[in-house]
Amino acid sequence: MTVIGKDRPGLVETVARLVAEHGGNWLESRMCRLGGEFAGILRVHIAKDNQAALEAALRGLGQHGLAVQVQVDRGADAAPLQRLARLEIIGQDRPGIVQQICAALAVHGVNVEEFTSECTSAPMSGELLFHANITMQLPAACQLADLRREVEKLANDLMVDADFEELE
């Protein structure tokens, strides 16, 4: 499910309480506060008999300014094991960095597993510094050396530092 709303204390507890009250088990989540708003994605396991009641309770959170969207997992085929890699980008901020880096990854069939980014003031100059961490799946056909070369060339063009490593 996805959860979006104005950030406030107790928001995650409210969702967790509803899941627990309906016999659900919280499996995994990614949640954060950005610009005063709260956004999260999470997976829960719940008995089929309790599913409709939990969904109704979650929809009721709308009256408190929290939008919840539920997507039922119908069970997907197990994905083949793929290699993981991490890419860290640091450099002076400007429009297009994310699009250009992600376009280069997409050309190689790379799937972004997790993407975090932020802009902060550079220590000496005070200019806006862009920092991103990307965890990605590399398909079997992806030639790591070719991908690394392309990312490093793009980093030079964008005038950013790129630290690329394959994870074990």
C-alpha atoms as a PDB file:
ATOM      1  CA  MET A   1       0.000   0.000   0.000  1.00  0.00           C
ATOM      2  CA  THR A   2       0.981   3.613  -0.327  1.00  0.00           C
ATOM      3  CA  VAL A   3       0.350   6.231   2.350  1.00  0.00           C
ATOM      4  CA  ILE A   4       0.540   9.971   1.677  1.00  0.00           C
ATOM      5  CA  GLY A   5      -0.402  12.934   3.845  1.00  0.00           C
ATOM      6  CA  LYS A   6       0.679  15.942   5.855  1.00  0.00           C
ATOM      7  CA  ASP A   7       3.397  14.814   8.262  1.00  0.00           C
ATOM      8  CA  ARG A   8       2.526  14.701  11.957  1.00  0.00           C
ATOM      9  CA  PRO A   9       3.474  12.703  15.049  1.00  0.00           C
ATOM     10  CA  GLY A  10       1.728   9.339  15.342  1.00  0.00           C
ATOM     11  CA  LEU A  11       0.996   8.890  11.655  1.00  0.00           C
ATOM     12  CA  VAL A  12       2.916   5.621  11.247  1.00  0.00           C
ATOM     13  CA  GLU A  13       1.526   4.341  14.561  1.00  0.00           C
ATOM     14  CA  THR A  14      -2.019   4.947  13.295  1.00  0.00           C
ATOM     15  CA  VAL A  15      -1.438   2.785  10.234  1.00  0.00           C
ATOM     16  CA  ALA A  16       0.437   0.145  12.267  1.00  0.00           C
ATOM     17  CA  ARG A  17      -2.400  -0.008  14.817  1.00  0.00           C
ATOM     18  CA  LEU A  18      -4.993  -0.640  12.090  1.00  0.00           C
ATOM     19  CA  VAL A  19      -2.852  -3.378  10.579  1.00  0.00           C
ATOM     20  CA  ALA A  20      -2.383  -5.014  14.004  1.00  0.00           C
ATOM     21  CA  GLU A  21      -6.073  -4.642  14.982  1.00  0.00           C
ATOM     22  CA  HIS A  22      -7.021  -6.575  11.854  1.00  0.00           C
ATOM     23  CA  GLY A  23      -4.498  -9.359  12.493  1.00  0.00           C
ATOM     24  CA  GLY A  24      -2.056  -8.153   9.859  1.00  0.00           C
ATOM     25  CA  ASN A  25       1.698  -8.591   9.874  1.00  0.00           C
ATOM     26  CA  TRP A  26       3.887  -5.631   8.774  1.00  0.00           C
ATOM     27  CA  LEU A  27       6.426  -7.158   6.351  1.00  0.00           C
ATOM     28  CA  GLU A  28       8.468  -4.280   4.948  1.00  0.00           C
ATOM     29  CA  SER A  29       8.275  -0.553   4.355  1.00  0.00           C
ATOM     30  CA  ARG A  30      10.021   2.554   3.108  1.00  0.00           C
ATOM     31  CA  MET A  31       8.768   5.797   4.590  1.00  0.00           C
ATOM     32  CA  CYS A  32      10.014   9.356   4.788  1.00  0.00           C
ATOM     33  CA  ARG A  33       9.162  13.003   5.297  1.00  0.00           C
ATOM     34  CA  LEU A  34       9.794  15.366   2.393  1.00  0.00           C
ATOM     35  CA  GLY A  35       8.885  19.047   2.461  1.00  0.00           C
ATOM     36  CA  GLY A  36       6.439  18.649   5.336  1.00  0.00           C
ATOM     37  CA  GLU A  37       4.635  15.776   3.630  1.00  0.00           C
ATOM     38  CA  PHE A  38       4.807  12.113   4.582  1.00  0.00           C
ATOM     39  CA  ALA A  39       5.004   9.335   2.011  1.00  0.00           C
ATOM     40  CA  GLY A  40       5.378   5.634   2.512  1.00  0.00           C
ATOM     41  CA  ILE A  41       5.064   2.317   0.794  1.00  0.00           C
ATOM     42  CA  LEU A  42       4.584  -0.850   2.755  1.00  0.00           C
ATOM     43  CA  ARG A  43       3.720  -4.506   2.470  1.00  0.00           C
ATOM     44  CA  VAL A  44       1.587  -6.323   4.975  1.00  0.00           C
ATOM     45  CA  HIS A  45       0.297  -9.862   5.166  1.00  0.00           C
ATOM     46  CA  ILE A  46      -3.287 -10.322   6.250  1.00  0.00           C
ATOM     47  CA  ALA A  47      -5.713 -13.242   6.255  1.00  0.00           C
ATOM     48  CA  LYS A  48      -8.124 -13.059   3.324  1.00  0.00           C
ATOM     49  CA  ASP A  49     -11.077 -12.956   5.757  1.00  0.00           C
ATOM     50  CA  ASN A  50      -9.752  -9.716   7.325  1.00  0.00           C
ATOM     51  CA  GLN A  51      -8.671  -7.987   4.129  1.00  0.00           C
ATOM     52  CA  ALA A  52     -11.900  -6.095   3.327  1.00  0.00           C
ATOM     53  CA  ALA A  53     -12.236  -4.808   6.908  1.00  0.00           C
ATOM     54  CA  LEU A  54      -8.630  -3.552   6.931  1.00  0.00           C
ATOM     55  CA  GLU A  55      -9.088  -1.828   3.574  1.00  0.00           C
ATOM     56  CA  ALA A  56     -12.245  -0.100   4.863  1.00  0.00           C
ATOM     57  CA  ALA A  57     -10.442   1.038   8.014  1.00  0.00           C
ATOM     58  CA  LEU A  58      -7.535   2.388   5.941  1.00  0.00           C
ATOM     59  CA  ARG A  59      -9.936   4.289   3.646  1.00  0.00           C
ATOM     60  CA  GLY A  60     -11.359   5.883   6.808  1.00  0.00           C
ATOM     61  CA  LEU A  61      -8.002   7.597   7.348  1.00  0.00           C
ATOM     62  CA  GLY A  62      -8.941   9.926   4.494  1.00  0.00           C
ATOM     63  CA  GLN A  63     -11.042  11.985   6.906  1.00  0.00           C
ATOM     64  CA  HIS A  64      -7.808  12.675   8.799  1.00  0.00           C
ATOM     65  CA  GLY A  65      -5.983  13.863   5.663  1.00  0.00           C
ATOM     66  CA  LEU A  66      -4.191  10.620   4.952  1.00  0.00           C
ATOM     67  CA  ALA A  67      -4.573   9.083   1.493  1.00  0.00           C
ATOM     68  CA  VAL A  68      -4.057   5.312   1.435  1.00  0.00           C
ATOM     69  CA  GLN A  69      -4.045   3.222  -1.705  1.00  0.00           C
ATOM     70  CA  VAL A  70      -4.101  -0.554  -1.400  1.00  0.00           C
ATOM     71  CA  GLN A  71      -2.783  -2.845  -4.105  1.00  0.00           C
ATOM     72  CA  VAL A  72      -3.456  -6.528  -3.499  1.00  0.00           C
ATOM     73  CA  ASP A  73      -0.469  -8.755  -4.216  1.00  0.00           C
ATOM     74  CA  ARG A  74      -1.752 -11.542  -6.432  1.00  0.00           C
ATOM     75  CA  GLY A  75       1.540 -13.415  -6.167  1.00  0.00           C
ATOM     76  CA  ALA A  76       4.169 -12.855  -8.800  1.00  0.00           C
ATOM     77  CA  ASP A  77       6.511 -15.376 -10.315  1.00  0.00           C
ATOM     78  CA  ALA A  78       9.849 -15.429  -8.550  1.00  0.00           C
ATOM     79  CA  ALA A  79      12.271 -13.162 -10.363  1.00  0.00           C
ATOM     80  CA  PRO A  80      15.576 -14.653 -11.411  1.00  0.00           C
ATOM     81  CA  LEU A  81      18.480 -13.688  -9.198  1.00  0.00           C
ATOM     82  CA  GLN A  82      20.265 -10.645 -10.521  1.00  0.00           C
ATOM     83  CA  ARG A  83      23.423  -8.814  -9.611  1.00  0.00           C
ATOM     84  CA  LEU A  84      23.166  -5.715  -7.440  1.00  0.00           C
ATOM     85  CA  ALA A  85      25.214  -2.547  -7.747  1.00  0.00           C
ATOM     86  CA  ARG A  86      25.367   0.814  -6.014  1.00  0.00           C
ATOM     87  CA  LEU A  87      25.944   4.195  -7.600  1.00  0.00           C
ATOM     88  CA  GLU A  88      26.659   7.349  -5.629  1.00  0.00           C
ATOM     89  CA  ILE A  89      26.523  10.713  -7.404  1.00  0.00           C
ATOM     90  CA  ILE A  90      27.820  13.957  -5.856  1.00  0.00           C
ATOM     91  CA  GLY A  91      28.152  17.288  -7.593  1.00  0.00           C
ATOM     92  CA  GLN A  92      26.885  20.804  -8.064  1.00  0.00           C
ATOM     93  CA  ASP A  93      23.119  20.695  -8.474  1.00  0.00           C
ATOM     94  CA  ARG A  94      21.414  21.512 -11.736  1.00  0.00           C
ATOM     95  CA  PRO A  95      18.299  20.359 -13.603  1.00  0.00           C
ATOM     96  CA  GLY A  96      18.509  17.071 -15.486  1.00  0.00           C
ATOM     97  CA  ILE A  97      21.033  15.109 -13.428  1.00  0.00           C
ATOM     98  CA  VAL A  98      18.515  12.471 -12.321  1.00  0.00           C
ATOM     99  CA  GLN A  99      16.962  12.118 -15.778  1.00  0.00           C
ATOM    100  CA  GLN A 100      20.306  11.723 -17.552  1.00  0.00           C
ATOM    101  CA  ILE A 101      21.720   9.202 -15.072  1.00  0.00           C
ATOM    102  CA  CYS A 102      18.508   7.147 -15.044  1.00  0.00           C
ATOM    103  CA  ALA A 103      18.320   7.213 -18.855  1.00  0.00           C
ATOM    104  CA  ALA A 104      21.834   5.736 -19.043  1.00  0.00           C
ATOM    105  CA  LEU A 105      20.841   2.999 -16.595  1.00  0.00           C
ATOM    106  CA  ALA A 106      17.606   2.217 -18.472  1.00  0.00           C
ATOM    107  CA  VAL A 107      19.457   1.754 -21.778  1.00  0.00           C
ATOM    108  CA  HIS A 108      21.348  -1.118 -20.132  1.00  0.00           C
ATOM    109  CA  GLY A 109      18.159  -2.684 -18.712  1.00  0.00           C
ATOM    110  CA  VAL A 110      19.107  -1.713 -15.152  1.00  0.00           C
ATOM    111  CA  ASN A 111      16.251  -1.719 -12.626  1.00  0.00           C
ATOM    112  CA  VAL A 112      16.425   0.906  -9.865  1.00  0.00           C
ATOM    113  CA  GLU A 113      15.701  -0.842  -6.557  1.00  0.00           C
ATOM    114  CA  GLU A 114      16.136   2.190  -4.302  1.00  0.00           C
ATOM    115  CA  PHE A 115      16.868   5.825  -5.068  1.00  0.00           C
ATOM    116  CA  THR A 116      17.559   8.479  -2.441  1.00  0.00           C
ATOM    117  CA  SER A 117      18.692  12.016  -3.096  1.00  0.00           C
ATOM    118  CA  GLU A 118      19.083  15.355  -1.387  1.00  0.00           C
ATOM    119  CA  CYS A 119      20.450  18.814  -2.013  1.00  0.00           C
ATOM    120  CA  THR A 120      22.597  20.444   0.661  1.00  0.00           C
ATOM    121  CA  SER A 121      24.852  23.482   0.924  1.00  0.00           C
ATOM    122  CA  ALA A 122      28.430  22.819  -0.121  1.00  0.00           C
ATOM    123  CA  PRO A 123      30.813  23.303   2.852  1.00  0.00           C
ATOM    124  CA  MET A 124      33.033  26.052   1.426  1.00  0.00           C
ATOM    125  CA  SER A 125      30.992  27.776  -1.271  1.00  0.00           C
ATOM    126  CA  GLY A 126      27.483  27.361   0.077  1.00  0.00           C
ATOM    127  CA  GLU A 127      26.315  26.402  -3.431  1.00  0.00           C
ATOM    128  CA  LEU A 128      23.700  23.686  -3.766  1.00  0.00           C
ATOM    129  CA  LEU A 129      25.285  20.225  -3.790  1.00  0.00           C
ATOM    130  CA  PHE A 130      23.348  17.260  -5.235  1.00  0.00           C
ATOM    131  CA  HIS A 131      23.875  13.849  -3.626  1.00  0.00           C
ATOM    132  CA  ALA A 132      22.180  10.622  -4.774  1.00  0.00           C
ATOM    133  CA  ASN A 133      22.494   6.964  -3.814  1.00  0.00           C
ATOM    134  CA  ILE A 134      21.071   4.397  -6.194  1.00  0.00           C
ATOM    135  CA  THR A 135      20.830   0.666  -5.533  1.00  0.00           C
ATOM    136  CA  MET A 136      20.091  -1.217  -8.728  1.00  0.00           C
ATOM    137  CA  GLN A 137      19.657  -4.654 -10.246  1.00  0.00           C
ATOM    138  CA  LEU A 138      21.871  -5.481 -13.192  1.00  0.00           C
ATOM    139  CA  PRO A 139      20.374  -7.906 -15.716  1.00  0.00           C
ATOM    140  CA  ALA A 140      22.461 -10.912 -16.709  1.00  0.00           C
ATOM    141  CA  ALA A 141      23.095  -9.427 -20.168  1.00  0.00           C
ATOM    142  CA  CYS A 142      24.468  -6.178 -18.743  1.00  0.00           C
ATOM    143  CA  GLN A 143      28.206  -5.812 -19.263  1.00  0.00           C
ATOM    144  CA  LEU A 144      29.423  -4.168 -16.065  1.00  0.00           C
ATOM    145  CA  ALA A 145      32.500  -2.634 -17.733  1.00  0.00           C
ATOM    146  CA  ASP A 146      30.339  -0.994 -20.438  1.00  0.00           C
ATOM    147  CA  LEU A 147      27.887   0.366 -17.881  1.00  0.00           C
ATOM    148  CA  ARG A 148      30.692   1.708 -15.697  1.00  0.00           C
ATOM    149  CA  ARG A 149      32.332   3.412 -18.709  1.00  0.00           C
ATOM    150  CA  GLU A 150      29.053   5.047 -19.745  1.00  0.00           C
ATOM    151  CA  VAL A 151      28.269   6.248 -16.211  1.00  0.00           C
ATOM    152  CA  GLU A 152      31.792   7.659 -15.795  1.00  0.00           C
ATOM    153  CA  LYS A 153      31.584   9.487 -19.159  1.00  0.00           C
ATOM    154  CA  LEU A 154      28.200  10.917 -18.231  1.00  0.00           C
ATOM    155  CA  ALA A 155      29.515  11.959 -14.811  1.00  0.00           C
ATOM    156  CA  ASN A 156      32.326  13.860 -16.533  1.00  0.00           C
ATOM    157  CA  ASP A 157      29.830  15.569 -18.860  1.00  0.00           C
ATOM    158  CA  LEU A 158      27.623  16.518 -15.873  1.00  0.00           C
ATOM    159  CA  MET A 159      30.662  17.534 -13.796  1.00  0.00           C
ATOM    160  CA  VAL A 160      29.704  15.239 -10.917  1.00  0.00           C
ATOM    161  CA  ASP A 161      31.585  12.501  -9.089  1.00  0.00           C
ATOM    162  CA  ALA A 162      30.286   8.973  -9.595  1.00  0.00           C
ATOM    163  CA  ASP A 163      31.240   6.071  -7.347  1.00  0.00           C
ATOM    164  CA  PHE A 164      30.053   2.785  -8.851  1.00  0.00           C
ATOM    165  CA  GLU A 165      30.429  -0.626  -7.228  1.00  0.00           C
ATOM    166  CA  GLU A 166      28.963  -4.072  -7.688  1.00  0.00           C
ATOM    167  CA  LEU A 167      27.490  -5.489  -4.469  1.00  0.00           C
ATOM    168  CA  GLU A 168      27.856  -9.066  -3.364  1.00  0.00           C
END
